C-alpha cells in the first residue's frame, strides 16, 4: 500500500486491458478504500501527474514506488 507523499511511476492503461497508454512520474495526494465485495478491498490513489500538471485516479497495480531508488548511468 502506498502513502501520501510517495513518489510513484504511474501507468495509464487502455480500459481494463493491461496495455500501457501513457506513463510518467507523480506524487500520491490521497488514498481511498472501497469495499465492493465485502472481503476484497480496492484502493484508489489520487496522483498529481507532473507531466500534465493535473490529478488522476489510479489503482495500486498501475503504480510503482520510486522513493529510495538510485539512478544508474
C-alpha atoms as a PDB file:
ATOM      1  CA  UNK A   1       0.000   0.000   0.000  1.00  0.00           C
ATOM      2  CA  UNK A   2       1.238   3.465  -0.884  1.00  0.00           C
ATOM      3  CA  UNK A   3       1.151   6.538   1.365  1.00  0.00           C
ATOM      4  CA  UNK A   4       0.529  10.235   0.821  1.00  0.00           C
ATOM      5  CA  UNK A   5       3.642  11.954  -0.475  1.00  0.00           C
ATOM      6  CA  UNK A   6       5.140   8.857  -2.120  1.00  0.00           C
ATOM      7  CA  UNK A   7       6.892   9.469  -5.435  1.00  0.00           C
ATOM      8  CA  UNK A   8       5.488   6.981  -7.956  1.00  0.00           C
ATOM      9  CA  UNK A   9       5.588   5.997 -11.601  1.00  0.00           C
ATOM     10  CA  UNK A  10       2.025   5.868 -12.891  1.00  0.00           C
ATOM     11  CA  UNK A  11       0.850   3.825 -15.865  1.00  0.00           C
ATOM     12  CA  UNK A  12      -2.338   4.795 -17.673  1.00  0.00           C
ATOM     13  CA  UNK A  13      -3.911   1.743 -19.318  1.00  0.00           C
ATOM     14  CA  UNK A  14      -6.346   1.255 -22.181  1.00  0.00           C
ATOM     15  CA  UNK A  15      -9.507   0.418 -20.181  1.00  0.00           C
ATOM     16  CA  UNK A  16      -9.090  -2.882 -18.327  1.00  0.00           C
ATOM     17  CA  UNK A  17      -6.584  -4.246 -20.845  1.00  0.00           C
ATOM     18  CA  UNK A  18      -3.011  -4.454 -19.495  1.00  0.00           C
ATOM     19  CA  UNK A  19      -1.589  -2.350 -22.340  1.00  0.00           C
ATOM     20  CA  UNK A  20       0.098   0.894 -21.276  1.00  0.00           C
ATOM     21  CA  UNK A  21      -1.246   4.013 -22.991  1.00  0.00           C
ATOM     22  CA  UNK A  22       0.928   6.557 -21.162  1.00  0.00           C
ATOM     23  CA  UNK A  23       3.353   6.699 -18.248  1.00  0.00           C
ATOM     24  CA  UNK A  24       5.006   9.321 -16.065  1.00  0.00           C
ATOM     25  CA  UNK A  25       6.056  10.373 -12.570  1.00  0.00           C
ATOM     26  CA  UNK A  26       3.805  11.814  -9.897  1.00  0.00           C
ATOM     27  CA  UNK A  27       3.080  12.196  -6.195  1.00  0.00           C
ATOM     28  CA  UNK A  28       0.277  10.477  -4.257  1.00  0.00           C
ATOM     29  CA  UNK A  29      -2.104  13.098  -2.884  1.00  0.00           C
ATOM     30  CA  UNK A  30      -4.888  10.936  -1.408  1.00  0.00           C
ATOM     31  CA  UNK A  31      -5.913   7.303  -0.905  1.00  0.00           C
ATOM     32  CA  UNK A  32      -9.451   5.908  -0.694  1.00  0.00           C
ATOM     33  CA  UNK A  33     -10.503   2.387   0.263  1.00  0.00           C
ATOM     34  CA  UNK A  34     -13.550   0.815  -1.387  1.00  0.00           C
ATOM     35  CA  UNK A  35     -15.198  -2.427  -0.255  1.00  0.00           C
ATOM     36  CA  UNK A  36     -17.143  -3.650  -3.265  1.00  0.00           C
ATOM     37  CA  UNK A  37     -17.333  -7.345  -2.466  1.00  0.00           C
ATOM     38  CA  UNK A  38     -17.071  -7.349   1.329  1.00  0.00           C
ATOM     39  CA  UNK A  39     -13.892  -9.397   1.763  1.00  0.00           C
ATOM     40  CA  UNK A  40     -11.865  -7.739  -1.024  1.00  0.00           C
ATOM     41  CA  UNK A  41     -10.847  -4.087  -0.672  1.00  0.00           C
ATOM     42  CA  UNK A  42      -9.773  -1.872  -3.543  1.00  0.00           C
ATOM     43  CA  UNK A  43      -7.548   1.168  -3.047  1.00  0.00           C
ATOM     44  CA  UNK A  44      -7.806   4.145  -5.382  1.00  0.00           C
ATOM     45  CA  UNK A  45      -4.953   6.669  -5.312  1.00  0.00           C
ATOM     46  CA  UNK A  46      -5.229  10.290  -6.419  1.00  0.00           C
ATOM     47  CA  UNK A  47      -1.931  11.198  -8.096  1.00  0.00           C
ATOM     48  CA  UNK A  48      -0.579  14.583  -9.124  1.00  0.00           C
ATOM     49  CA  UNK A  49       0.925  13.994 -12.576  1.00  0.00           C
ATOM     50  CA  UNK A  50       3.980  16.212 -13.198  1.00  0.00           C
ATOM     51  CA  UNK A  51       3.859  15.589 -16.940  1.00  0.00           C
ATOM     52  CA  UNK A  52       0.382  17.129 -17.356  1.00  0.00           C
ATOM     53  CA  UNK A  53       0.160  19.326 -14.238  1.00  0.00           C
ATOM     54  CA  UNK A  54      -3.145  17.650 -13.257  1.00  0.00           C
ATOM     55  CA  UNK A  55      -4.642  14.976 -10.988  1.00  0.00           C
ATOM     56  CA  UNK A  56      -5.812  11.486 -11.908  1.00  0.00           C
ATOM     57  CA  UNK A  57      -7.014   8.393 -10.030  1.00  0.00           C
ATOM     58  CA  UNK A  58      -5.113   5.107 -10.277  1.00  0.00           C
ATOM     59  CA  UNK A  59      -5.462   1.614  -8.831  1.00  0.00           C
ATOM     60  CA  UNK A  60      -2.491   0.140  -6.980  1.00  0.00           C
ATOM     61  CA  UNK A  61      -1.490  -2.257  -9.783  1.00  0.00           C
ATOM     62  CA  UNK A  62      -0.871   0.721 -12.107  1.00  0.00           C
ATOM     63  CA  UNK A  63       1.625   2.396  -9.740  1.00  0.00           C
ATOM     64  CA  UNK A  64       5.272   1.703  -8.890  1.00  0.00           C
ATOM     65  CA  UNK A  65       7.071   3.367  -5.992  1.00  0.00           C
ATOM     66  CA  UNK A  66      10.206   5.368  -6.852  1.00  0.00           C
ATOM     67  CA  UNK A  67      11.285   6.564  -3.400  1.00  0.00           C
ATOM     68  CA  UNK A  68      14.716   5.293  -2.491  1.00  0.00           C
ATOM     69  CA  UNK A  69      15.750   4.215  -5.972  1.00  0.00           C
ATOM     70  CA  UNK A  70      19.138   5.290  -7.323  1.00  0.00           C
ATOM     71  CA  UNK A  71      19.775   6.354 -10.878  1.00  0.00           C
ATOM     72  CA  UNK A  72      22.480   4.359 -12.612  1.00  0.00           C
ATOM     73  CA  UNK A  73      24.347   5.936 -15.504  1.00  0.00           C
END
